[in-house]
N, C-alpha and C. Protein backbone atom coordinates (compact mmCIF):
# COMPACT_ATOMS: atom_id res chain seq x y z
N MET A 1 5.76 -62.03 96.89
CA MET A 1 6.44 -61.37 95.70
C MET A 1 6.58 -59.63 95.90
N PRO A 2 5.85 -59.05 96.08
CA PRO A 2 5.58 -57.67 96.05
C PRO A 2 6.52 -57.39 96.83
N GLU A 3 7.16 -58.03 98.08
CA GLU A 3 8.54 -57.00 98.25
C GLU A 3 9.72 -57.43 97.31
N GLU A 4 9.65 -58.47 96.31
CA GLU A 4 10.97 -58.49 95.56
C GLU A 4 10.65 -57.63 94.41
N GLU A 5 9.45 -56.68 94.13
CA GLU A 5 9.23 -55.84 93.09
C GLU A 5 9.65 -54.94 93.82
N LYS A 6 9.42 -54.53 94.97
CA LYS A 6 9.80 -52.83 95.61
C LYS A 6 11.53 -53.46 95.86
N LYS A 7 11.95 -54.18 95.82
CA LYS A 7 13.64 -54.36 95.82
C LYS A 7 14.12 -53.81 94.70
N GLU A 8 13.53 -54.36 93.49
CA GLU A 8 14.22 -54.42 92.71
C GLU A 8 14.06 -52.65 91.79
N GLU A 9 12.67 -52.04 92.46
CA GLU A 9 12.65 -50.55 92.05
C GLU A 9 13.45 -49.66 92.74
N HIS A 10 14.42 -50.21 94.04
CA HIS A 10 14.99 -49.26 94.73
C HIS A 10 16.42 -49.68 94.53
N GLN A 11 16.89 -50.19 93.87
CA GLN A 11 17.98 -50.78 93.36
C GLN A 11 18.30 -49.49 92.28
N PRO A 12 19.84 -48.92 92.26
CA PRO A 12 20.41 -48.19 90.78
C PRO A 12 20.12 -49.09 89.85
N GLN A 13 20.22 -48.03 88.62
CA GLN A 13 20.41 -48.49 87.83
C GLN A 13 21.46 -48.07 86.80
N GLU A 14 22.17 -48.86 86.40
CA GLU A 14 23.51 -48.23 85.72
C GLU A 14 23.34 -47.64 84.52
N THR A 15 23.60 -46.54 84.13
CA THR A 15 23.39 -45.88 83.12
C THR A 15 24.92 -45.94 82.32
N PRO A 16 24.39 -45.66 80.83
CA PRO A 16 25.88 -45.35 80.21
C PRO A 16 26.70 -44.75 79.92
N GLY A 17 27.87 -45.12 79.75
CA GLY A 17 28.85 -44.09 80.09
C GLY A 17 29.25 -43.62 81.72
N ALA A 18 28.39 -43.85 82.46
CA ALA A 18 28.43 -43.83 84.26
C ALA A 18 29.89 -44.63 84.90
N ALA A 19 30.45 -44.28 85.41
CA ALA A 19 31.49 -45.37 86.11
C ALA A 19 31.09 -46.14 87.09
N PRO A 20 31.30 -47.82 87.04
CA PRO A 20 30.67 -48.46 87.64
C PRO A 20 31.06 -48.16 89.10
N GLU A 21 29.84 -48.64 89.91
CA GLU A 21 30.27 -48.12 91.74
C GLU A 21 30.74 -49.22 92.00
N SER A 22 31.83 -48.85 92.79
CA SER A 22 32.41 -50.28 93.18
C SER A 22 32.83 -50.06 95.06
N ASP A 23 32.76 -50.95 95.60
CA ASP A 23 33.43 -50.66 97.44
C ASP A 23 34.79 -50.34 97.45
N GLY A 24 35.35 -50.74 96.51
CA GLY A 24 36.84 -50.16 97.17
C GLY A 24 37.21 -49.06 95.63
N PRO A 25 38.82 -49.19 96.09
CA PRO A 25 39.39 -48.25 95.39
C PRO A 25 39.41 -48.56 93.74
N PRO A 26 39.51 -47.69 92.72
CA PRO A 26 39.50 -48.40 91.40
C PRO A 26 40.90 -48.57 91.01
N SER A 27 40.41 -49.50 89.91
CA SER A 27 41.65 -50.40 89.60
C SER A 27 42.60 -49.23 88.54
N PRO A 28 44.04 -49.81 88.39
CA PRO A 28 44.87 -48.78 87.27
C PRO A 28 44.36 -48.56 86.32
N GLU A 29 43.48 -49.77 85.63
CA GLU A 29 42.76 -49.45 84.01
C GLU A 29 41.50 -48.28 84.52
N GLY A 30 40.99 -48.13 85.33
CA GLY A 30 39.68 -47.43 85.30
C GLY A 30 40.66 -46.43 86.05
N LEU A 31 41.31 -46.03 86.85
CA LEU A 31 42.11 -44.64 86.59
C LEU A 31 42.69 -44.19 85.40
N ASP A 32 43.09 -45.04 84.74
CA ASP A 32 43.88 -44.69 83.34
C ASP A 32 42.72 -44.15 82.26
N ALA A 33 41.55 -44.65 82.39
CA ALA A 33 40.34 -44.60 81.49
C ALA A 33 39.80 -43.07 82.28
N ILE A 34 39.96 -42.74 83.28
CA ILE A 34 39.16 -41.75 84.15
C ILE A 34 40.27 -40.33 83.46
N LYS A 35 41.60 -40.37 83.78
CA LYS A 35 42.77 -39.59 83.56
C LYS A 35 42.51 -39.40 81.73
N ALA A 36 42.32 -40.44 81.37
CA ALA A 36 42.23 -40.09 79.80
C ALA A 36 40.83 -39.27 79.17
N GLU A 37 39.82 -39.53 79.87
CA GLU A 37 38.95 -38.94 79.71
C GLU A 37 38.65 -37.61 80.31
N LEU A 38 39.27 -37.03 81.31
CA LEU A 38 39.63 -35.73 82.02
C LEU A 38 40.47 -35.30 80.82
N GLU A 39 41.59 -35.80 80.58
CA GLU A 39 42.35 -34.83 79.34
C GLU A 39 41.54 -34.73 78.32
N ALA A 40 40.60 -35.25 77.84
CA ALA A 40 39.91 -35.41 76.66
C ALA A 40 39.01 -34.28 76.72
N GLU A 41 38.45 -34.19 77.93
CA GLU A 41 37.77 -33.17 78.41
C GLU A 41 38.17 -31.86 78.10
N ARG A 42 39.24 -31.79 79.13
CA ARG A 42 40.32 -30.29 79.02
C ARG A 42 40.49 -29.73 77.65
N LYS A 43 41.26 -30.77 76.45
CA LYS A 43 41.11 -30.93 75.23
C LYS A 43 39.92 -29.99 74.70
N ALA A 44 38.73 -30.64 74.89
CA ALA A 44 37.85 -30.10 74.08
C ALA A 44 37.56 -28.70 74.55
N LYS A 45 37.54 -28.50 75.80
CA LYS A 45 37.50 -26.87 76.24
C LYS A 45 38.31 -26.15 75.95
N ALA A 46 39.58 -26.60 76.28
CA ALA A 46 40.51 -25.86 75.53
C ALA A 46 40.06 -25.28 74.07
N ALA A 47 39.87 -26.18 73.19
CA ALA A 47 39.42 -26.52 71.95
C ALA A 47 38.12 -25.06 71.64
N VAL A 48 36.94 -25.33 72.59
CA VAL A 48 36.22 -24.91 72.87
C VAL A 48 36.27 -23.13 73.42
N GLU A 49 37.33 -23.19 73.89
CA GLU A 49 37.65 -21.65 74.39
C GLU A 49 38.57 -20.84 73.30
N ALA A 50 39.07 -21.43 72.84
CA ALA A 50 40.10 -20.89 71.46
C ALA A 50 39.27 -20.35 70.27
N ALA A 51 38.23 -21.54 70.25
CA ALA A 51 37.16 -21.01 68.81
C ALA A 51 36.34 -19.87 69.38
N LEU A 52 35.68 -19.43 70.83
CA LEU A 52 34.95 -18.66 71.65
C LEU A 52 36.36 -17.32 71.42
N ALA A 53 37.71 -17.66 71.73
CA ALA A 53 38.65 -16.28 71.66
C ALA A 53 38.53 -15.81 70.20
N GLU A 54 38.53 -16.82 69.26
CA GLU A 54 38.63 -16.46 68.00
C GLU A 54 37.25 -15.75 67.17
N LYS A 55 36.30 -15.95 67.84
CA LYS A 55 34.67 -15.80 67.42
C LYS A 55 34.92 -14.24 68.05
N ASP A 56 35.42 -14.18 69.26
CA ASP A 56 35.18 -12.72 70.11
C ASP A 56 36.32 -11.66 69.58
N ALA A 57 37.28 -12.17 68.85
CA ALA A 57 38.28 -11.61 67.80
C ALA A 57 37.55 -11.09 66.67
N ARG A 58 36.60 -11.83 66.15
CA ARG A 58 36.22 -11.33 64.66
C ARG A 58 35.44 -10.63 64.84
N ILE A 59 34.22 -11.03 66.11
CA ILE A 59 33.43 -9.96 66.76
C ILE A 59 33.77 -8.62 67.00
N ALA A 60 35.20 -8.25 67.70
CA ALA A 60 35.74 -7.05 67.64
C ALA A 60 36.02 -6.59 66.44
N GLU A 61 36.86 -7.14 65.44
CA GLU A 61 37.04 -6.91 64.14
C GLU A 61 36.08 -6.45 63.51
N LEU A 62 34.88 -7.14 63.38
CA LEU A 62 34.03 -6.64 62.46
C LEU A 62 33.27 -5.75 63.36
N GLU A 63 33.15 -5.35 64.25
CA GLU A 63 32.50 -3.98 64.96
C GLU A 63 33.67 -2.80 64.87
N ALA A 64 34.43 -3.17 64.62
CA ALA A 64 35.65 -1.87 64.41
C ALA A 64 35.56 -1.40 62.81
N GLN A 65 35.01 -2.49 61.66
CA GLN A 65 34.52 -2.14 60.41
C GLN A 65 33.72 -1.24 60.33
N VAL A 66 32.49 -1.98 61.16
CA VAL A 66 31.43 -1.02 61.23
C VAL A 66 31.25 0.57 61.73
N SER A 67 32.29 0.62 62.85
CA SER A 67 32.60 2.18 62.98
C SER A 67 33.41 2.62 62.10
N GLU A 68 33.93 2.20 61.42
CA GLU A 68 34.88 3.05 60.34
C GLU A 68 34.01 3.18 59.57
N ALA A 69 33.05 2.30 58.89
CA ALA A 69 32.10 2.16 57.72
C ALA A 69 30.92 3.74 58.33
N LYS A 70 30.45 3.40 59.52
CA LYS A 70 29.84 4.39 59.71
C LYS A 70 30.41 5.83 59.72
N GLN A 71 31.53 5.83 60.48
CA GLN A 71 32.26 7.41 60.11
C GLN A 71 32.58 7.94 58.92
N ALA A 72 32.95 7.06 58.16
CA ALA A 72 32.77 6.98 56.61
C ALA A 72 31.42 7.50 55.80
N GLY A 73 30.75 6.99 56.34
CA GLY A 73 29.29 7.25 55.70
C GLY A 73 28.73 8.67 55.92
N GLU A 74 29.32 9.40 57.57
CA GLU A 74 28.65 10.59 57.79
C GLU A 74 29.64 11.32 57.23
N ALA A 75 30.67 11.00 56.94
CA ALA A 75 31.78 12.00 56.09
C ALA A 75 31.72 12.31 55.29
N ALA A 76 30.78 11.09 54.24
CA ALA A 76 30.41 11.36 52.85
C ALA A 76 29.06 12.08 53.04
N GLY A 77 28.21 11.72 54.00
CA GLY A 77 27.02 12.70 54.22
C GLY A 77 27.17 13.97 54.26
N ALA A 78 28.56 14.43 55.10
CA ALA A 78 29.06 15.68 55.14
C ALA A 78 29.37 16.44 53.48
N GLU A 79 30.10 15.68 53.45
CA GLU A 79 30.66 15.95 51.67
C GLU A 79 29.63 16.20 50.67
N LEU A 80 28.80 15.43 50.83
CA LEU A 80 27.51 15.41 49.84
C LEU A 80 26.66 16.41 50.05
N ALA A 81 26.61 16.63 51.38
CA ALA A 81 25.97 18.55 51.58
C ALA A 81 26.66 19.54 51.60
N GLN A 82 27.85 19.55 51.46
CA GLN A 82 28.87 20.62 50.66
C GLN A 82 28.51 20.70 49.02
N LEU A 83 28.46 19.33 48.92
CA LEU A 83 28.40 19.68 47.24
C LEU A 83 27.76 19.83 46.65
N LYS A 84 26.44 19.67 47.20
CA LYS A 84 24.93 20.22 46.85
C LYS A 84 25.03 21.56 47.16
N GLU A 85 25.33 21.84 48.39
CA GLU A 85 25.16 23.74 48.71
C GLU A 85 26.15 24.23 47.51
N ALA A 86 27.38 23.99 47.05
CA ALA A 86 28.10 24.16 46.08
C ALA A 86 27.33 24.25 44.82
N HIS A 87 26.77 23.24 44.26
CA HIS A 87 26.28 22.93 42.96
C HIS A 87 24.75 23.94 42.91
N SER A 88 24.03 24.22 44.19
CA SER A 88 23.04 25.47 44.22
C SER A 88 23.41 26.55 43.79
N GLN A 89 24.74 26.87 44.39
CA GLN A 89 25.08 28.55 44.14
C GLN A 89 25.83 28.46 42.71
N ALA A 90 26.37 27.43 42.75
CA ALA A 90 26.84 27.79 40.97
C ALA A 90 25.78 27.43 40.01
N VAL A 91 24.58 26.91 39.99
CA VAL A 91 23.12 26.75 39.21
C VAL A 91 22.88 28.44 39.28
N ALA A 92 23.00 29.37 40.77
CA ALA A 92 22.56 30.49 40.90
C ALA A 92 23.28 31.54 40.09
N LYS A 93 24.92 31.43 40.18
CA LYS A 93 25.32 32.51 39.36
C LYS A 93 25.19 32.15 38.05
N TYR A 94 24.93 30.68 37.14
CA TYR A 94 24.72 30.64 36.03
C TYR A 94 23.37 31.27 35.67
N LEU A 95 22.40 31.20 36.36
CA LEU A 95 21.35 31.78 35.86
C LEU A 95 21.38 33.21 35.69
N GLY A 96 22.36 33.93 36.72
CA GLY A 96 22.63 35.32 36.76
C GLY A 96 23.34 35.42 35.38
N VAL A 97 23.95 34.90 35.13
CA VAL A 97 24.82 35.12 34.03
C VAL A 97 24.27 35.05 32.57
N VAL A 98 22.64 34.47 32.91
CA VAL A 98 22.36 33.87 31.39
C VAL A 98 21.50 34.95 31.37
N ARG A 99 21.11 35.06 32.23
CA ARG A 99 20.06 36.62 32.08
C ARG A 99 20.64 37.50 31.69
N LEU A 100 22.04 38.04 32.14
CA LEU A 100 22.82 39.16 31.77
C LEU A 100 23.27 38.90 30.13
N ALA A 101 23.50 37.59 29.73
CA ALA A 101 23.89 37.73 28.45
C ALA A 101 22.62 37.79 27.27
N ASN A 102 21.44 37.51 27.79
CA ASN A 102 19.95 37.71 27.01
C ASN A 102 19.63 38.61 27.56
N PRO A 103 20.11 40.04 27.08
CA PRO A 103 19.30 41.43 27.33
C PRO A 103 17.93 41.62 26.95
N ALA A 104 17.66 41.00 25.75
CA ALA A 104 16.51 40.98 24.93
C ALA A 104 15.21 39.95 25.61
N ILE A 105 15.51 39.13 26.09
CA ILE A 105 14.28 38.37 27.34
C ILE A 105 14.41 38.76 28.79
N PRO A 106 13.15 38.45 29.16
CA PRO A 106 12.53 39.15 30.55
C PRO A 106 13.29 38.49 30.85
N GLY A 107 14.24 39.04 32.15
CA GLY A 107 15.11 38.16 33.34
C GLY A 107 14.22 36.99 33.72
N ASP A 108 12.56 37.13 34.34
CA ASP A 108 11.48 36.48 34.79
C ASP A 108 11.41 35.05 34.49
N VAL A 109 11.33 35.22 32.68
CA VAL A 109 11.12 34.43 32.01
C VAL A 109 12.35 33.31 31.70
N ILE A 110 13.76 33.65 32.27
CA ILE A 110 14.56 32.75 32.15
C ILE A 110 14.57 32.02 33.59
N ALA A 111 14.37 30.80 33.62
CA ALA A 111 14.38 30.52 35.21
C ALA A 111 15.01 28.87 35.03
N GLY A 112 14.98 28.13 36.55
CA GLY A 112 15.36 26.68 36.80
C GLY A 112 15.82 26.34 37.60
N GLN A 113 15.78 25.09 38.15
CA GLN A 113 17.06 24.98 38.69
C GLN A 113 18.17 23.89 38.91
N THR A 114 18.20 23.77 37.45
CA THR A 114 19.72 22.91 36.98
C THR A 114 19.46 23.62 35.59
N ILE A 115 21.29 23.55 35.40
CA ILE A 115 21.65 23.92 34.15
C ILE A 115 20.71 23.54 32.78
N GLY A 116 20.24 22.68 32.99
CA GLY A 116 19.37 21.77 31.98
C GLY A 116 18.48 22.64 31.60
N GLU A 117 17.74 22.89 32.48
CA GLU A 117 16.19 23.82 32.66
C GLU A 117 16.27 24.68 32.59
N ILE A 118 17.64 25.72 32.97
CA ILE A 118 17.71 27.05 32.42
C ILE A 118 18.23 27.28 30.86
N GLU A 119 18.88 26.06 30.48
CA GLU A 119 19.16 26.47 29.07
C GLU A 119 17.74 25.96 28.30
N ALA A 120 16.65 24.99 28.85
CA ALA A 120 15.31 24.78 28.31
C ALA A 120 14.60 26.06 28.02
N SER A 121 14.77 26.73 29.57
CA SER A 121 13.87 27.98 29.16
C SER A 121 14.51 29.16 28.41
N VAL A 122 15.84 28.67 28.24
CA VAL A 122 16.49 30.28 27.19
C VAL A 122 15.86 29.94 25.98
N GLN A 123 16.18 28.75 25.42
CA GLN A 123 15.34 28.32 24.33
C GLN A 123 14.31 28.43 24.04
N LYS A 124 13.28 28.28 24.70
CA LYS A 124 11.78 28.52 24.87
C LYS A 124 11.69 30.24 24.61
N ALA A 125 12.50 30.72 26.00
CA ALA A 125 12.28 32.25 25.38
C ALA A 125 12.63 33.26 24.41
N THR A 126 13.87 32.45 23.65
CA THR A 126 14.49 32.74 22.47
C THR A 126 13.80 33.06 21.14
N ALA A 127 13.10 31.50 21.13
CA ALA A 127 11.52 31.13 20.12
C ALA A 127 10.72 32.31 20.50
N ILE A 128 10.11 32.19 21.46
CA ILE A 128 9.00 33.17 21.46
C ILE A 128 9.73 34.63 21.45
N ALA A 129 10.38 34.95 21.43
CA ALA A 129 10.89 36.59 21.12
C ALA A 129 11.02 36.76 19.97
N ALA A 130 11.95 35.32 19.29
CA ALA A 130 11.91 35.85 17.89
C ALA A 130 10.67 35.30 17.12
N ALA A 131 9.54 35.09 17.58
CA ALA A 131 8.07 34.90 17.01
C ALA A 131 7.58 36.48 17.11
N VAL A 132 7.75 36.72 18.32
CA VAL A 132 7.34 38.58 18.46
C VAL A 132 7.81 39.26 17.43
N LYS A 133 9.05 39.32 17.48
CA LYS A 133 9.57 40.24 16.87
C LYS A 133 9.43 40.04 14.92
N ALA A 134 9.06 38.70 14.86
CA ALA A 134 8.62 38.49 13.43
C ALA A 134 7.44 38.84 13.09
N ASP A 135 6.27 39.01 14.24
CA ASP A 135 5.18 39.14 14.00
C ASP A 135 5.19 40.92 14.31
N LEU A 136 5.92 41.48 14.85
CA LEU A 136 5.94 43.36 14.91
C LEU A 136 6.30 43.72 13.84
N GLU A 137 7.46 43.02 13.35
CA GLU A 137 7.75 43.59 11.81
C GLU A 137 7.13 43.35 10.46
N ALA A 138 6.46 42.24 10.54
CA ALA A 138 5.20 42.18 9.70
C ALA A 138 4.15 43.15 9.66
N ARG A 139 3.63 43.18 10.76
CA ARG A 139 2.49 44.10 11.08
C ARG A 139 3.64 45.72 10.57
N ALA A 140 4.47 46.02 10.57
CA ALA A 140 5.48 47.33 10.87
C ALA A 140 5.20 47.40 9.17
N ARG A 141 5.66 46.64 8.39
CA ARG A 141 5.88 46.26 6.84
C ARG A 141 4.50 46.79 6.27
N GLU A 142 3.35 46.23 6.81
CA GLU A 142 1.95 46.58 6.53
C GLU A 142 1.44 47.94 6.71
N ALA A 143 1.94 48.49 7.60
CA ALA A 143 1.22 50.13 7.83
C ALA A 143 2.24 50.70 7.37
N ARG A 144 3.39 50.40 7.13
CA ARG A 144 4.34 51.49 6.02
C ARG A 144 4.05 52.74 5.39
N VAL A 145 4.30 53.63 6.07
CA VAL A 145 3.82 54.82 5.11
C VAL A 145 5.27 55.57 4.57
N PRO A 146 5.60 55.90 3.46
CA PRO A 146 6.58 56.32 2.97
C PRO A 146 6.91 57.63 4.07
N ALA A 147 8.12 58.03 4.10
CA ALA A 147 8.53 59.36 4.68
C ALA A 147 8.43 60.49 4.21
N GLY A 148 8.33 61.69 4.14
CA GLY A 148 8.02 62.85 3.89
C GLY A 148 6.77 63.06 3.13
N ALA A 149 6.67 64.45 2.41
CA ALA A 149 5.14 64.82 1.72
C ALA A 149 4.92 63.71 0.65
N PRO A 150 4.49 63.97 0.21
CA PRO A 150 4.09 63.40 -1.79
C PRO A 150 4.49 64.39 -2.33
N ALA A 151 5.21 63.84 -3.50
CA ALA A 151 5.63 64.65 -4.60
C ALA A 151 4.26 65.36 -4.84
N ARG A 152 4.65 66.87 -5.51
CA ARG A 152 3.40 67.75 -5.80
C ARG A 152 3.04 67.15 -7.49
N GLY A 153 2.76 67.11 -7.65
CA GLY A 153 1.83 66.72 -9.31
C GLY A 153 0.78 67.85 -9.52
N GLU A 154 0.73 68.19 -10.71
CA GLU A 154 -0.97 68.62 -11.02
C GLU A 154 -2.09 68.05 -10.48
N ILE A 155 -2.63 69.04 -10.41
CA ILE A 155 -4.03 69.21 -9.87
C ILE A 155 -5.00 68.63 -10.67
N SER A 156 -6.07 67.63 -10.38
CA SER A 156 -7.09 67.31 -11.45
C SER A 156 -8.11 68.21 -11.60
N VAL A 157 -8.78 68.70 -12.38
CA VAL A 157 -9.72 69.75 -12.34
C VAL A 157 -11.22 69.07 -12.97
N GLU A 158 -10.88 68.00 -13.42
CA GLU A 158 -11.91 66.90 -13.94
C GLU A 158 -12.92 67.04 -12.57
N GLY A 159 -14.05 67.05 -12.92
CA GLY A 159 -14.95 67.09 -11.83
C GLY A 159 -15.31 68.07 -10.85
N LEU A 160 -14.36 69.05 -11.22
CA LEU A 160 -14.87 70.22 -10.28
C LEU A 160 -15.68 71.75 -10.78
N SER A 161 -16.18 72.37 -9.91
CA SER A 161 -17.26 73.08 -10.66
C SER A 161 -16.57 74.35 -10.89
N PRO A 162 -16.63 75.47 -11.79
CA PRO A 162 -16.04 76.20 -11.94
C PRO A 162 -15.11 77.37 -11.65
N ARG A 163 -15.57 77.60 -10.52
CA ARG A 163 -15.36 78.27 -9.24
C ARG A 163 -14.38 77.59 -8.60
N ASP A 164 -14.22 75.92 -8.58
CA ASP A 164 -13.04 75.50 -7.87
C ASP A 164 -12.00 75.31 -8.78
N LYS A 165 -12.31 75.22 -10.07
CA LYS A 165 -11.28 75.57 -11.12
C LYS A 165 -10.45 76.85 -10.76
N ILE A 166 -11.38 77.77 -10.52
CA ILE A 166 -10.75 79.37 -10.43
C ILE A 166 -9.61 79.27 -8.97
N ALA A 167 -10.10 78.60 -8.04
CA ALA A 167 -9.36 78.57 -7.08
C ALA A 167 -8.18 77.64 -7.00
N ALA A 168 -8.09 76.64 -7.80
CA ALA A 168 -6.97 75.38 -8.06
C ALA A 168 -6.09 76.51 -8.72
N GLY A 169 -6.43 77.15 -10.17
CA GLY A 169 -5.22 77.77 -10.68
C GLY A 169 -4.58 79.01 -10.11
N ILE A 170 -5.42 79.76 -9.38
CA ILE A 170 -5.01 80.44 -8.43
C ILE A 170 -3.97 79.68 -7.79
N GLN A 171 -4.05 79.02 -6.89
CA GLN A 171 -3.48 78.08 -5.91
C GLN A 171 -1.95 77.85 -6.52
N GLN A 172 -1.89 77.13 -8.01
CA GLN A 172 -0.97 76.85 -8.81
C GLN A 172 -0.11 78.23 -8.48
N LYS A 173 -0.60 78.94 -9.30
CA LYS A 173 0.32 80.00 -9.34
C LYS A 173 1.30 80.84 -8.12
N GLY A 174 0.85 80.77 -6.81
CA GLY A 174 1.12 80.98 -5.71
C GLY A 174 0.23 81.83 -5.15
N GLY A 175 -0.63 82.09 -5.55
CA GLY A 175 -1.26 83.12 -5.22
C GLY A 175 -1.95 82.73 -4.04
N THR A 176 -3.04 83.81 -3.50
CA THR A 176 -3.55 83.42 -1.98
C THR A 176 -5.37 83.87 -2.31
N SER A 177 -6.30 82.70 -2.20
CA SER A 177 -7.49 83.36 -2.85
C SER A 177 -8.20 84.21 -1.73
């Protein structure tokens, strides 16, 4: 029996979907089946190749779109840089104009990197200048001295010695002592 087991092991086993082995030419039905199978494989291959070609075309289209988007992004970046430079120049010119328009405020007090910041510094400086002006005016009113000499009036002789009374009388008459 061991020899029979060995013979069974060496015999080829049929695999599903494989053409049966035969000693002679295939039958007409077998040829038709093989031709149909080959035709189906050709159609499948053509369908796969068409799908691959379609995918390659789509990839090329998307790569072109990416390239266009990159170019547009670079152009937008360059335009943004130009706009930032123009904005900086405009803000600097505005700062100069605001300083000229407010001569009562020291130029270094008015500052800022944006128009809003410049406006805020002008408002703050104007408020400070108004407060200082009001303080100086109040101090000036307190220390105000009337202009000119006081009006001449009678000299009071009360409390003067007789000698001082005589000197005051001579002085009123226009004489010198």
